[in-house]
């Protein structure tokens, strides 16, 4: 997705690049949280100890999910511009 966004941007399609970049950011943030949650679940209570380092990654994954644009704003952008739904905010 990110390669498609970069390709669109390089070709001068700013709107297509914004749409693809928003989708890539959303997918990456969701994948990071899901995989980290599974890793913590797999290790049980030990998953949050400093020994495994997963707790430190939890903060970074949350930041990637909400900064600089929250996932809700990404979903609003995609629904309005890609799906043609009315503005929801």
Protein backbone atom coordinates (compact mmCIF):
# COMPACT_ATOMS: atom_id res chain seq x y z
CA UNK A 1 0.00 0.00 0.00
CA UNK A 2 2.78 2.39 0.86
CA UNK A 3 4.57 1.63 -2.41
CA UNK A 4 1.36 2.41 -4.29
CA UNK A 5 1.04 5.71 -2.41
CA UNK A 6 4.64 6.62 -3.24
CA UNK A 7 4.14 5.68 -6.88
CA UNK A 8 0.99 7.78 -7.13
CA UNK A 9 2.72 10.71 -5.46
CA UNK A 10 5.70 10.43 -7.81
CA UNK A 11 3.35 10.43 -10.80
CA UNK A 12 1.72 13.65 -9.59
CA UNK A 13 -1.57 12.17 -8.37
CA UNK A 14 -1.76 13.93 -5.00
CA UNK A 15 -5.30 12.80 -4.22
CA UNK A 16 -4.62 9.15 -5.05
CA UNK A 17 -1.44 9.30 -3.00
CA UNK A 18 -3.30 10.76 0.00
CA UNK A 19 -5.97 8.08 -0.26
CA UNK A 20 -3.42 5.24 -0.54
CA UNK A 21 -1.24 6.68 2.24
CA UNK A 22 -4.22 6.93 4.57
CA UNK A 23 -5.19 3.34 3.85
CA UNK A 24 -1.60 2.17 4.39
CA UNK A 25 -1.34 4.04 7.70
CA UNK A 26 -4.60 2.55 8.91
CA UNK A 27 -3.63 -1.00 7.93
CA UNK A 28 -0.15 -0.70 9.43
CA UNK A 29 -1.46 0.64 12.73
CA UNK A 30 -4.08 -2.07 13.02
CA UNK A 31 -1.58 -4.81 12.11
CA UNK A 32 0.93 -3.53 14.66
CA UNK A 33 -1.63 -3.52 17.48
CA UNK A 34 -3.03 -6.93 16.53
CA UNK A 35 0.36 -8.63 16.29
CA UNK A 36 1.62 -7.04 19.50
CA UNK A 37 -1.55 -8.02 21.33
CA UNK A 38 -1.12 -11.61 20.13
CA UNK A 39 2.53 -11.63 21.23
CA UNK A 40 1.59 -10.38 24.70
CA UNK A 41 -1.24 -12.92 24.91
CA UNK A 42 1.12 -15.73 23.88
CA UNK A 43 3.57 -14.86 26.67
CA UNK A 44 0.81 -14.50 29.25
CA UNK A 45 1.70 -12.36 32.26
CA UNK A 46 5.34 -12.42 31.24
CA UNK A 47 4.47 -10.54 28.07
CA UNK A 48 4.38 -7.27 29.98
CA UNK A 49 7.70 -7.71 31.76
CA UNK A 50 10.83 -5.83 30.72
CA UNK A 51 12.47 -9.15 29.85
CA UNK A 52 10.53 -9.48 26.59
CA UNK A 53 10.31 -5.77 25.72
CA UNK A 54 6.75 -6.01 24.46
CA UNK A 55 5.39 -3.44 26.91
CA UNK A 56 7.73 -0.80 25.48
CA UNK A 57 6.50 -1.60 21.99
CA UNK A 58 2.89 -1.17 23.11
CA UNK A 59 3.34 2.58 23.54
CA UNK A 60 5.05 2.93 20.17
CA UNK A 61 2.31 0.95 18.44
CA UNK A 62 -0.39 3.12 20.01
CA UNK A 63 1.42 6.29 18.90
CA UNK A 64 1.65 4.96 15.33
CA UNK A 65 -2.09 4.30 15.42
CA UNK A 66 -3.13 7.83 16.44
CA UNK A 67 -0.39 10.24 15.35
CA UNK A 68 -0.28 12.46 13.37
CA UNK A 69 -3.81 11.54 12.23
CA UNK A 70 -6.14 9.33 14.24
CA UNK A 71 -7.64 6.21 12.75
CA UNK A 72 -11.10 7.77 13.00
CA UNK A 73 -10.02 10.68 10.78
CA UNK A 74 -8.53 8.21 8.30
CA UNK A 75 -11.80 6.29 8.21
CA UNK A 76 -13.69 9.58 7.73
CA UNK A 77 -11.41 10.54 4.82
CA UNK A 78 -11.73 7.17 3.10
CA UNK A 79 -15.49 6.96 3.58
CA UNK A 80 -16.04 10.48 2.26
CA UNK A 81 -13.61 10.48 -0.65
CA UNK A 82 -13.37 6.82 -1.67
CA UNK A 83 -16.84 5.56 -0.91
CA UNK A 84 -18.71 8.80 -1.54
CA UNK A 85 -20.47 8.76 1.83
CA UNK A 86 -21.55 12.05 3.42
CA UNK A 87 -19.22 13.85 5.81
CA UNK A 88 -19.60 12.40 9.30
CA UNK A 89 -18.12 15.18 11.40
